[in-house]
């Protein structure tokens, strides 16, 4: 059975993982609203690296976030600004090398 709620924090970033049932979890990807200029999306192998699939939306608590439901597994992901800047999630310690000679964040749920 998956954990009920696992908040992971480092610095000012927050990643929250919450069990929906035995086969799915909700992952909340969040950044402080003032951390990166412009619009930001979370992209990964869970959404075909589509920059329009999961844009981070501003919240009243000073963050911007996107919630994605996933089955348990391993997922590569990155954030991307509307200016085309890609960056890994600094709160996720595990990264993997990709075919573009950079790294992706690795999430295990």
PDB file of N, CA and C in Angstrom:
ATOM      1  N   UNK A   1       0.841  -1.188   0.000  1.00  0.00           N
ATOM      2  CA  UNK A   1       0.000   0.000   0.000  1.00  0.00           C
ATOM      3  C   UNK A   1       0.879   1.242   0.000  1.00  0.00           C
ATOM      4  N   UNK A   2       0.453   2.255  -0.685  1.00  0.00           N
ATOM      5  CA  UNK A   2       1.201   3.499  -0.786  1.00  0.00           C
ATOM      6  C   UNK A   2       1.011   4.340   0.465  1.00  0.00           C
ATOM      7  N   UNK A   3       1.994   5.179   0.748  1.00  0.00           N
ATOM      8  CA  UNK A   3       1.917   6.069   1.908  1.00  0.00           C
ATOM      9  C   UNK A   3       0.770   7.053   1.743  1.00  0.00           C
ATOM     10  N   UNK A   4       0.196   7.476   2.862  1.00  0.00           N
ATOM     11  CA  UNK A   4      -0.910   8.416   2.821  1.00  0.00           C
ATOM     12  C   UNK A   4      -0.496   9.791   2.339  1.00  0.00           C
ATOM     13  N   UNK A   5       0.539  10.358   2.931  1.00  0.00           N
ATOM     14  CA  UNK A   5       0.981  11.692   2.551  1.00  0.00           C
ATOM     15  C   UNK A   5       2.459  11.802   2.833  1.00  0.00           C
ATOM     16  N   UNK A   6       3.223  12.185   1.835  1.00  0.00           N
ATOM     17  CA  UNK A   6       4.663  12.329   2.004  1.00  0.00           C
ATOM     18  C   UNK A   6       5.084  13.685   1.467  1.00  0.00           C
ATOM     19  N   UNK A   7       5.156  14.728   2.327  1.00  0.00           N
ATOM     20  CA  UNK A   7       5.677  15.999   1.831  1.00  0.00           C
ATOM     21  C   UNK A   7       7.195  15.970   1.835  1.00  0.00           C
ATOM     22  N   UNK A   8       7.796  16.450   0.778  1.00  0.00           N
ATOM     23  CA  UNK A   8       9.252  16.503   0.673  1.00  0.00           C
ATOM     24  C   UNK A   8       9.611  17.966   0.476  1.00  0.00           C
ATOM     25  N   UNK A   9      10.443  18.519   1.349  1.00  0.00           N
ATOM     26  CA  UNK A   9      10.809  19.919   1.198  1.00  0.00           C
ATOM     27  C   UNK A   9      12.308  20.094   1.265  1.00  0.00           C
ATOM     28  N   UNK A  10      12.789  21.073   0.538  1.00  0.00           N
ATOM     29  CA  UNK A  10      14.195  21.461   0.584  1.00  0.00           C
ATOM     30  C   UNK A  10      14.248  22.901   0.123  1.00  0.00           C
ATOM     31  N   UNK A  11      14.771  23.771   0.949  1.00  0.00           N
ATOM     32  CA  UNK A  11      14.760  25.174   0.583  1.00  0.00           C
ATOM     33  C   UNK A  11      13.332  25.678   0.552  1.00  0.00           C
ATOM     34  N   UNK A  12      12.956  26.355  -0.520  1.00  0.00           N
ATOM     35  CA  UNK A  12      11.618  26.927  -0.620  1.00  0.00           C
ATOM     36  C   UNK A  12      10.717  26.140  -1.563  1.00  0.00           C
ATOM     37  N   UNK A  13      11.165  25.008  -2.041  1.00  0.00           N
ATOM     38  CA  UNK A  13      10.369  24.230  -2.982  1.00  0.00           C
ATOM     39  C   UNK A  13       9.619  23.130  -2.250  1.00  0.00           C
ATOM     40  N   UNK A  14       8.494  22.716  -2.799  1.00  0.00           N
ATOM     41  CA  UNK A  14       7.703  21.671  -2.165  1.00  0.00           C
ATOM     42  C   UNK A  14       7.241  20.677  -3.225  1.00  0.00           C
ATOM     43  N   UNK A  15       7.388  19.402  -2.903  1.00  0.00           N
ATOM     44  CA  UNK A  15       6.858  18.323  -3.725  1.00  0.00           C
ATOM     45  C   UNK A  15       6.029  17.468  -2.790  1.00  0.00           C
ATOM     46  N   UNK A  16       4.762  17.249  -3.106  1.00  0.00           N
ATOM     47  CA  UNK A  16       3.887  16.480  -2.228  1.00  0.00           C
ATOM     48  C   UNK A  16       3.391  15.254  -2.974  1.00  0.00           C
ATOM     49  N   UNK A  17       3.415  14.108  -2.296  1.00  0.00           N
ATOM     50  CA  UNK A  17       2.935  12.856  -2.873  1.00  0.00           C
ATOM     51  C   UNK A  17       1.849  12.319  -1.952  1.00  0.00           C
ATOM     52  N   UNK A  18       0.651  12.097  -2.502  1.00  0.00           N
ATOM     53  CA  UNK A  18      -0.484  11.651  -1.704  1.00  0.00           C
ATOM     54  C   UNK A  18      -1.148  10.466  -2.395  1.00  0.00           C
ATOM     55  N   UNK A  19      -1.397   9.390  -1.629  1.00  0.00           N
ATOM     56  CA  UNK A  19      -2.045   8.211  -2.190  1.00  0.00           C
ATOM     57  C   UNK A  19      -3.494   8.521  -2.538  1.00  0.00           C
ATOM     58  N   UNK A  20      -3.921   8.093  -3.724  1.00  0.00           N
ATOM     59  CA  UNK A  20      -5.320   8.170  -4.124  1.00  0.00           C
ATOM     60  C   UNK A  20      -5.976   6.845  -3.774  1.00  0.00           C
ATOM     61  N   UNK A  21      -5.323   5.764  -4.166  1.00  0.00           N
ATOM     62  CA  UNK A  21      -5.725   4.402  -3.823  1.00  0.00           C
ATOM     63  C   UNK A  21      -4.490   3.525  -3.976  1.00  0.00           C
ATOM     64  N   UNK A  22      -4.669   2.209  -4.015  1.00  0.00           N
ATOM     65  CA  UNK A  22      -3.511   1.315  -4.105  1.00  0.00           C
ATOM     66  C   UNK A  22      -2.797   1.375  -5.452  1.00  0.00           C
ATOM     67  N   UNK A  23      -3.421   1.994  -6.452  1.00  0.00           N
ATOM     68  CA  UNK A  23      -2.812   1.976  -7.783  1.00  0.00           C
ATOM     69  C   UNK A  23      -2.463   3.358  -8.338  1.00  0.00           C
ATOM     70  N   UNK A  24      -2.767   4.427  -7.594  1.00  0.00           N
ATOM     71  CA  UNK A  24      -2.491   5.772  -8.101  1.00  0.00           C
ATOM     72  C   UNK A  24      -2.094   6.696  -6.960  1.00  0.00           C
ATOM     73  N   UNK A  25      -1.237   7.662  -7.310  1.00  0.00           N
ATOM     74  CA  UNK A  25      -0.866   8.714  -6.366  1.00  0.00           C
ATOM     75  C   UNK A  25      -1.038  10.067  -7.045  1.00  0.00           C
ATOM     76  N   UNK A  26      -1.294  11.089  -6.226  1.00  0.00           N
ATOM     77  CA  UNK A  26      -1.308  12.463  -6.711  1.00  0.00           C
ATOM     78  C   UNK A  26       0.032  13.071  -6.353  1.00  0.00           C
ATOM     79  N   UNK A  27       0.700  13.616  -7.346  1.00  0.00           N
ATOM     80  CA  UNK A  27       1.970  14.301  -7.123  1.00  0.00           C
ATOM     81  C   UNK A  27       1.738  15.782  -7.390  1.00  0.00           C
ATOM     82  N   UNK A  28       2.046  16.612  -6.400  1.00  0.00           N
ATOM     83  CA  UNK A  28       1.947  18.058  -6.559  1.00  0.00           C
ATOM     84  C   UNK A  28       3.347  18.608  -6.768  1.00  0.00           C
ATOM     85  N   UNK A  29       3.585  19.163  -7.939  1.00  0.00           N
ATOM     86  CA  UNK A  29       4.843  19.826  -8.269  1.00  0.00           C
ATOM     87  C   UNK A  29       4.634  21.307  -7.984  1.00  0.00           C
ATOM     88  N   UNK A  30       5.485  21.919  -7.161  1.00  0.00           N
ATOM     89  CA  UNK A  30       5.273  23.318  -6.785  1.00  0.00           C
ATOM     90  C   UNK A  30       6.583  24.090  -6.726  1.00  0.00           C
ATOM     91  N   UNK A  31       6.481  25.366  -7.062  1.00  0.00           N
ATOM     92  CA  UNK A  31       7.591  26.316  -6.959  1.00  0.00           C
ATOM     93  C   UNK A  31       7.054  27.594  -6.331  1.00  0.00           C
ATOM     94  N   UNK A  32       7.872  28.330  -5.600  1.00  0.00           N
ATOM     95  CA  UNK A  32       7.440  29.655  -5.149  1.00  0.00           C
ATOM     96  C   UNK A  32       7.136  30.531  -6.369  1.00  0.00           C
ATOM     97  N   UNK A  33       6.113  31.347  -6.273  1.00  0.00           N
ATOM     98  CA  UNK A  33       5.712  32.190  -7.408  1.00  0.00           C
ATOM     99  C   UNK A  33       6.814  33.117  -7.879  1.00  0.00           C
ATOM    100  N   UNK A  34       7.670  33.546  -6.958  1.00  0.00           N
ATOM    101  CA  UNK A  34       8.729  34.490  -7.322  1.00  0.00           C
ATOM    102  C   UNK A  34      10.069  33.822  -7.625  1.00  0.00           C
ATOM    103  N   UNK A  35      10.115  32.503  -7.649  1.00  0.00           N
ATOM    104  CA  UNK A  35      11.378  31.771  -7.844  1.00  0.00           C
ATOM    105  C   UNK A  35      11.914  31.899  -9.270  1.00  0.00           C
ATOM    106  N   UNK A  36      11.043  31.800 -10.252  1.00  0.00           N
ATOM    107  CA  UNK A  36      11.435  31.839 -11.663  1.00  0.00           C
ATOM    108  C   UNK A  36      10.478  32.782 -12.389  1.00  0.00           C
ATOM    109  N   UNK A  37      11.017  33.662 -13.227  1.00  0.00           N
ATOM    110  CA  UNK A  37      10.178  34.610 -13.966  1.00  0.00           C
ATOM    111  C   UNK A  37       9.400  33.900 -15.070  1.00  0.00           C
ATOM    112  N   UNK A  38       8.223  34.406 -15.357  1.00  0.00           N
ATOM    113  CA  UNK A  38       7.424  33.884 -16.454  1.00  0.00           C
ATOM    114  C   UNK A  38       6.644  32.643 -16.084  1.00  0.00           C
ATOM    115  N   UNK A  39       6.044  32.048 -17.099  1.00  0.00           N
ATOM    116  CA  UNK A  39       5.266  30.827 -16.912  1.00  0.00           C
ATOM    117  C   UNK A  39       6.188  29.622 -16.852  1.00  0.00           C
ATOM    118  N   UNK A  40       5.793  28.625 -16.066  1.00  0.00           N
ATOM    119  CA  UNK A  40       6.577  27.404 -15.907  1.00  0.00           C
ATOM    120  C   UNK A  40       5.641  26.212 -16.031  1.00  0.00           C
ATOM    121  N   UNK A  41       6.118  25.154 -16.679  1.00  0.00           N
ATOM    122  CA  UNK A  41       5.386  23.892 -16.778  1.00  0.00           C
ATOM    123  C   UNK A  41       6.269  22.771 -16.274  1.00  0.00           C
ATOM    124  N   UNK A  42       5.637  21.686 -15.822  1.00  0.00           N
ATOM    125  CA  UNK A  42       6.384  20.484 -15.483  1.00  0.00           C
ATOM    126  C   UNK A  42       6.177  19.504 -16.635  1.00  0.00           C
ATOM    127  N   UNK A  43       7.292  18.977 -17.139  1.00  0.00           N
ATOM    128  CA  UNK A  43       7.276  18.058 -18.270  1.00  0.00           C
ATOM    129  C   UNK A  43       7.990  16.783 -17.866  1.00  0.00           C
ATOM    130  N   UNK A  44       7.544  15.678 -18.405  1.00  0.00           N
ATOM    131  CA  UNK A  44       8.213  14.425 -18.098  1.00  0.00           C
ATOM    132  C   UNK A  44       7.722  13.308 -18.983  1.00  0.00           C
ATOM    133  N   UNK A  45       8.264  12.123 -18.726  1.00  0.00           N
ATOM    134  CA  UNK A  45       7.819  10.992 -19.532  1.00  0.00           C
ATOM    135  C   UNK A  45       6.372  10.623 -19.211  1.00  0.00           C
ATOM    136  N   UNK A  46       5.818  11.135 -18.111  1.00  0.00           N
ATOM    137  CA  UNK A  46       4.418  10.891 -17.763  1.00  0.00           C
ATOM    138  C   UNK A  46       3.452  11.706 -18.623  1.00  0.00           C
ATOM    139  N   UNK A  47       3.928  12.759 -19.298  1.00  0.00           N
ATOM    140  CA  UNK A  47       3.048  13.550 -20.168  1.00  0.00           C
ATOM    141  C   UNK A  47       3.630  13.756 -21.570  1.00  0.00           C
ATOM    142  N   UNK A  48       4.556  12.882 -21.949  1.00  0.00           N
ATOM    143  CA  UNK A  48       5.148  12.966 -23.283  1.00  0.00           C
ATOM    144  C   UNK A  48       5.998  14.203 -23.490  1.00  0.00           C
ATOM    145  N   UNK A  49       6.484  14.799 -22.395  1.00  0.00           N
ATOM    146  CA  UNK A  49       7.313  16.005 -22.442  1.00  0.00           C
ATOM    147  C   UNK A  49       6.576  17.156 -23.131  1.00  0.00           C
ATOM    148  N   UNK A  50       5.266  17.207 -22.943  1.00  0.00           N
ATOM    149  CA  UNK A  50       4.419  18.222 -23.564  1.00  0.00           C
ATOM    150  C   UNK A  50       4.366  19.473 -22.678  1.00  0.00           C
ATOM    151  N   UNK A  51       4.886  20.628 -23.144  1.00  0.00           N
ATOM    152  CA  UNK A  51       4.904  21.833 -22.315  1.00  0.00           C
ATOM    153  C   UNK A  51       3.525  22.426 -22.036  1.00  0.00           C
ATOM    154  N   UNK A  52       2.500  21.983 -22.750  1.00  0.00           N
ATOM    155  CA  UNK A  52       1.149  22.497 -22.509  1.00  0.00           C
ATOM    156  C   UNK A  52       0.331  21.601 -21.584  1.00  0.00           C
ATOM    157  N   UNK A  53       0.829  20.421 -21.259  1.00  0.00           N
ATOM    158  CA  UNK A  53       0.050  19.446 -20.488  1.00  0.00           C
ATOM    159  C   UNK A  53      -0.134  19.827 -19.020  1.00  0.00           C
ATOM    160  N   UNK A  54       0.904  20.327 -18.364  1.00  0.00           N
ATOM    161  CA  UNK A  54       0.832  20.614 -16.927  1.00  0.00           C
ATOM    162  C   UNK A  54       1.506  21.942 -16.567  1.00  0.00           C
ATOM    163  N   UNK A  55       0.872  23.064 -16.943  1.00  0.00           N
ATOM    164  CA  UNK A  55       1.427  24.358 -16.520  1.00  0.00           C
ATOM    165  C   UNK A  55       1.219  24.542 -15.020  1.00  0.00           C
ATOM    166  N   UNK A  56       2.172  25.180 -14.367  1.00  0.00           N
ATOM    167  CA  UNK A  56       2.024  25.491 -12.951  1.00  0.00           C
ATOM    168  C   UNK A  56       1.139  26.728 -12.833  1.00  0.00           C
ATOM    169  N   UNK A  57       0.114  26.634 -11.989  1.00  0.00           N
ATOM    170  CA  UNK A  57      -0.835  27.733 -11.806  1.00  0.00           C
ATOM    171  C   UNK A  57      -0.590  28.418 -10.473  1.00  0.00           C
ATOM    172  N   UNK A  58      -0.725  29.746 -10.467  1.00  0.00           N
ATOM    173  CA  UNK A  58      -0.510  30.517  -9.241  1.00  0.00           C
ATOM    174  C   UNK A  58      -1.572  30.177  -8.209  1.00  0.00           C
ATOM    175  N   UNK A  59      -1.124  30.050  -6.955  1.00  0.00           N
ATOM    176  CA  UNK A  59      -1.995  29.750  -5.821  1.00  0.00           C
ATOM    177  C   UNK A  59      -1.969  30.919  -4.837  1.00  0.00           C
ATOM    178  N   UNK A  60      -2.949  30.990  -3.987  1.00  0.00           N
ATOM    179  CA  UNK A  60      -3.038  32.082  -3.011  1.00  0.00           C
ATOM    180  C   UNK A  60      -1.982  31.984  -1.913  1.00  0.00           C
ATOM    181  N   UNK A  61      -1.327  30.830  -1.781  1.00  0.00           N
ATOM    182  CA  UNK A  61      -0.315  30.648  -0.730  1.00  0.00           C
ATOM    183  C   UNK A  61       1.092  31.074  -1.163  1.00  0.00           C
ATOM    184  N   UNK A  62       1.214  31.730  -2.319  1.00  0.00           N
ATOM    185  CA  UNK A  62       2.520  32.204  -2.771  1.00  0.00           C
ATOM    186  C   UNK A  62       3.304  31.204  -3.599  1.00  0.00           C
ATOM    187  N   UNK A  63       2.665  30.118  -3.971  1.00  0.00           N
ATOM    188  CA  UNK A  63       3.323  29.132  -4.831  1.00  0.00           C
ATOM    189  C   UNK A  63       2.581  29.065  -6.162  1.00  0.00           C
ATOM    190  N   UNK A  64       3.156  28.320  -7.076  1.00  0.00           N
ATOM    191  CA  UNK A  64       2.452  27.909  -8.284  1.00  0.00           C
ATOM    192  C   UNK A  64       2.667  26.415  -8.386  1.00  0.00           C
ATOM    193  N   UNK A  65       1.636  25.691  -8.806  1.00  0.00           N
ATOM    194  CA  UNK A  65       1.736  24.236  -8.760  1.00  0.00           C
ATOM    195  C   UNK A  65       0.892  23.576  -9.840  1.00  0.00           C
ATOM    196  N   UNK A  66       1.184  22.298 -10.049  1.00  0.00           N
ATOM    197  CA  UNK A  66       0.403  21.434 -10.930  1.00  0.00           C
ATOM    198  C   UNK A  66       0.295  20.081 -10.247  1.00  0.00           C
ATOM    199  N   UNK A  67      -0.873  19.466 -10.338  1.00  0.00           N
ATOM    200  CA  UNK A  67      -1.110  18.154  -9.743  1.00  0.00           C
ATOM    201  C   UNK A  67      -1.242  17.137 -10.865  1.00  0.00           C
ATOM    202  N   UNK A  68      -0.524  16.023 -10.723  1.00  0.00           N
ATOM    203  CA  UNK A  68      -0.530  14.965 -11.725  1.00  0.00           C
ATOM    204  C   UNK A  68      -0.832  13.648 -11.018  1.00  0.00           C
ATOM    205  N   UNK A  69      -1.799  12.877 -11.518  1.00  0.00           N
ATOM    206  CA  UNK A  69      -2.069  11.540 -10.979  1.00  0.00           C
ATOM    207  C   UNK A  69      -1.268  10.524 -11.768  1.00  0.00           C
ATOM    208  N   UNK A  70      -0.558   9.658 -11.044  1.00  0.00           N
ATOM    209  CA  UNK A  70       0.327   8.679 -11.675  1.00  0.00           C
ATOM    210  C   UNK A  70       0.183   7.312 -11.020  1.00  0.00           C
ATOM    211  N   UNK A  71       0.369   6.242 -11.787  1.00  0.00           N
ATOM    212  CA  UNK A  71       0.514   4.930 -11.163  1.00  0.00           C
ATOM    213  C   UNK A  71       1.917   4.824 -10.566  1.00  0.00           C
ATOM    214  N   UNK A  72       2.119   3.929  -9.607  1.00  0.00           N
ATOM    215  CA  UNK A  72       3.464   3.772  -9.042  1.00  0.00           C
ATOM    216  C   UNK A  72       4.487   3.474 -10.136  1.00  0.00           C
ATOM    217  N   UNK A  73       5.675   4.031  -9.978  1.00  0.00           N
ATOM    218  CA  UNK A  73       6.739   3.801 -10.947  1.00  0.00           C
ATOM    219  C   UNK A  73       7.817   4.854 -10.840  1.00  0.00           C
ATOM    220  N   UNK A  74       8.694   4.869 -11.835  1.00  0.00           N
ATOM    221  CA  UNK A  74       9.775   5.849 -11.941  1.00  0.00           C
ATOM    222  C   UNK A  74       9.447   6.813 -13.068  1.00  0.00           C
ATOM    223  N   UNK A  75       9.676   8.092 -12.818  1.00  0.00           N
ATOM    224  CA  UNK A  75       9.355   9.116 -13.807  1.00  0.00           C
ATOM    225  C   UNK A  75      10.478  10.139 -13.908  1.00  0.00           C
ATOM    226  N   UNK A  76      10.921  10.401 -15.132  1.00  0.00           N
ATOM    227  CA  UNK A  76      11.872  11.481 -15.409  1.00  0.00           C
ATOM    228  C   UNK A  76      11.056  12.745 -15.631  1.00  0.00           C
ATOM    229  N   UNK A  77      11.569  13.867 -15.109  1.00  0.00           N
ATOM    230  CA  UNK A  77      10.868  15.125 -15.335  1.00  0.00           C
ATOM    231  C   UNK A  77      11.813  16.304 -15.191  1.00  0.00           C
ATOM    232  N   UNK A  78      11.352  17.435 -15.703  1.00  0.00           N
ATOM    233  CA  UNK A  78      12.033  18.725 -15.572  1.00  0.00           C
ATOM    234  C   UNK A  78      10.979  19.817 -15.593  1.00  0.00           C
ATOM    235  N   UNK A  79      11.392  21.004 -15.179  1.00  0.00           N
ATOM    236  CA  UNK A  79      10.570  22.197 -15.349  1.00  0.00           C
ATOM    237  C   UNK A  79      11.069  22.943 -16.581  1.00  0.00           C
ATOM    238  N   UNK A  80      10.149  23.692 -17.218  1.00  0.00           N
ATOM    239  CA  UNK A  80      10.511  24.489 -18.395  1.00  0.00           C
ATOM    240  C   UNK A  80       9.788  25.828 -18.329  1.00  0.00           C
ATOM    241  N   UNK A  81      10.546  26.897 -18.529  1.00  0.00           N
ATOM    242  CA  UNK A  81       9.939  28.229 -18.565  1.00  0.00           C
ATOM    243  C   UNK A  81       9.420  28.512 -19.967  1.00  0.00           C
ATOM    244  N   UNK A  82       8.555  29.516 -20.070  1.00  0.00           N
ATOM    245  CA  UNK A  82       8.062  29.885 -21.402  1.00  0.00           C
ATOM    246  C   UNK A  82       9.154  30.499 -22.265  1.00  0.00           C
ATOM    247  N   UNK A  83      10.288  30.859 -21.649  1.00  0.00           N
ATOM    248  CA  UNK A  83      11.447  31.354 -22.403  1.00  0.00           C
ATOM    249  C   UNK A  83      12.319  30.207 -22.918  1.00  0.00           C
ATOM    250  N   UNK A  84      11.932  28.963 -22.613  1.00  0.00           N
ATOM    251  CA  UNK A  84      12.668  27.806 -23.108  1.00  0.00           C
ATOM    252  C   UNK A  84      13.766  27.302 -22.195  1.00  0.00           C
ATOM    253  N   UNK A  85      13.862  27.837 -20.976  1.00  0.00           N
ATOM    254  CA  UNK A  85      14.874  27.374 -20.017  1.00  0.00           C
ATOM    255  C   UNK A  85      14.371  26.113 -19.310  1.00  0.00           C
ATOM    256  N   UNK A  86      15.198  25.070 -19.329  1.00  0.00           N
ATOM    257  CA  UNK A  86      14.889  23.811 -18.654  1.00  0.00           C
ATOM    258  C   UNK A  86      15.680  23.743 -17.355  1.00  0.00           C
ATOM    259  N   UNK A  87      15.074  23.206 -16.285  1.00  0.00           N
ATOM    260  CA  UNK A  87      15.828  23.003 -15.054  1.00  0.00           C
ATOM    261  C   UNK A  87      15.257  21.841 -14.259  1.00  0.00           C
ATOM    262  N   UNK A  88      16.173  21.138 -13.589  1.00  0.00           N
ATOM    263  CA  UNK A  88      15.787  20.024 -12.727  1.00  0.00           C
ATOM    264  C   UNK A  88      15.202  20.564 -11.435  1.00  0.00           C
ATOM    265  N   UNK A  89      14.519  19.719 -10.729  1.00  0.00           N
ATOM    266  CA  UNK A  89      13.963  20.066  -9.431  1.00  0.00           C
ATOM    267  C   UNK A  89      15.050  19.885  -8.383  1.00  0.00           C
ATOM    268  N   UNK A  90      15.541  20.968  -7.776  1.00  0.00           N
ATOM    269  CA  UNK A  90      16.649  20.841  -6.832  1.00  0.00           C
ATOM    270  C   UNK A  90      16.293  20.093  -5.556  1.00  0.00           C
ATOM    271  N   UNK A  91      15.003  19.883  -5.276  1.00  0.00           N
ATOM    272  CA  UNK A  91      14.629  19.137  -4.084  1.00  0.00           C
ATOM    273  C   UNK A  91      14.668  17.627  -4.300  1.00  0.00           C
ATOM    274  N   UNK A  92      14.736  17.195  -5.543  1.00  0.00           N
ATOM    275  CA  UNK A  92      14.802  15.763  -5.846  1.00  0.00           C
ATOM    276  C   UNK A  92      16.263  15.393  -6.020  1.00  0.00           C
ATOM    277  N   UNK A  93      16.774  14.620  -5.081  1.00  0.00           N
ATOM    278  CA  UNK A  93      18.209  14.311  -5.054  1.00  0.00           C
ATOM    279  C   UNK A  93      18.644  13.429  -6.213  1.00  0.00           C
ATOM    280  N   UNK A  94      17.760  12.570  -6.678  1.00  0.00           N
ATOM    281  CA  UNK A  94      18.160  11.616  -7.711  1.00  0.00           C
ATOM    282  C   UNK A  94      17.944  12.199  -9.107  1.00  0.00           C
ATOM    283  N   UNK A  95      18.998  12.150  -9.913  1.00  0.00           N
ATOM    284  CA  UNK A  95      18.920  12.582 -11.303  1.00  0.00           C
ATOM    285  C   UNK A  95      19.471  11.473 -12.191  1.00  0.00           C
ATOM    286  N   UNK A  96      19.092  11.515 -13.451  1.00  0.00           N
ATOM    287  CA  UNK A  96      19.577  10.545 -14.428  1.00  0.00           C
ATOM    288  C   UNK A  96      20.024  11.288 -15.679  1.00  0.00           C
ATOM    289  N   UNK A  97      21.034  10.756 -16.325  1.00  0.00           N
ATOM    290  CA  UNK A  97      21.564  11.323 -17.561  1.00  0.00           C
ATOM    291  C   UNK A  97      20.563  11.072 -18.688  1.00  0.00           C
ATOM    292  N   UNK A  98      20.422  12.046 -19.591  1.00  0.00           N
ATOM    293  CA  UNK A  98      19.516  11.858 -20.722  1.00  0.00           C
ATOM    294  C   UNK A  98      20.260  11.941 -22.054  1.00  0.00           C
ATOM    295  N   UNK A  99      19.539  11.730 -23.127  1.00  0.00           N
ATOM    296  CA  UNK A  99      20.141  11.688 -24.464  1.00  0.00           C
ATOM    297  C   UNK A  99      20.609  13.049 -24.965  1.00  0.00           C
ATOM    298  N   UNK A 100      20.281  14.120 -24.256  1.00  0.00           N
ATOM    299  CA  UNK A 100      20.709  15.465 -24.646  1.00  0.00           C
ATOM    300  C   UNK A 100      21.955  15.905 -23.892  1.00  0.00           C
ATOM    301  N   UNK A 101      22.597  14.960 -23.217  1.00  0.00           N
ATOM    302  CA  UNK A 101      23.824  15.196 -22.455  1.00  0.00           C
ATOM    303  C   UNK A 101      23.599  16.151 -21.281  1.00  0.00           C
ATOM    304  N   UNK A 102      22.396  16.105 -20.729  1.00  0.00           N
ATOM    305  CA  UNK A 102      22.071  16.832 -19.503  1.00  0.00           C
ATOM    306  C   UNK A 102      21.443  15.829 -18.537  1.00  0.00           C
ATOM    307  N   UNK A 103      20.851  16.314 -17.472  1.00  0.00           N
ATOM    308  CA  UNK A 103      20.211  15.412 -16.516  1.00  0.00           C
ATOM    309  C   UNK A 103      18.732  15.739 -16.376  1.00  0.00           C
ATOM    310  N   UNK A 104      17.974  14.734 -15.962  1.00  0.00           N
ATOM    311  CA  UNK A 104      16.564  14.873 -15.621  1.00  0.00           C
ATOM    312  C   UNK A 104      16.409  14.524 -14.150  1.00  0.00           C
ATOM    313  N   UNK A 105      15.436  15.132 -13.487  1.00  0.00           N
ATOM    314  CA  UNK A 105      15.077  14.714 -12.140  1.00  0.00           C
ATOM    315  C   UNK A 105      14.380  13.360 -12.244  1.00  0.00           C
ATOM    316  N   UNK A 106      14.581  12.514 -11.228  1.00  0.00           N
ATOM    317  CA  UNK A 106      13.945  11.201 -11.207  1.00  0.00           C
ATOM    318  C   UNK A 106      13.051  11.114  -9.985  1.00  0.00           C
ATOM    319  N   UNK A 107      11.781  10.830 -10.218  1.00  0.00           N
ATOM    320  CA  UNK A 107      10.792  10.687  -9.161  1.00  0.00           C
ATOM    321  C   UNK A 107      10.366   9.236  -9.099  1.00  0.00           C
ATOM    322  N   UNK A 108      10.396   8.664  -7.902  1.00  0.00           N
ATOM    323  CA  UNK A 108       9.916   7.289  -7.687  1.00  0.00           C
ATOM    324  C   UNK A 108       8.697   7.352  -6.781  1.00  0.00           C
ATOM    325  N   UNK A 109       7.575   6.852  -7.281  1.00  0.00           N
ATOM    326  CA  UNK A 109       6.346   6.833  -6.471  1.00  0.00           C
ATOM    327  C   UNK A 109       5.784   5.432  -6.410  1.00  0.00           C
TER     328      UNK A 109
END
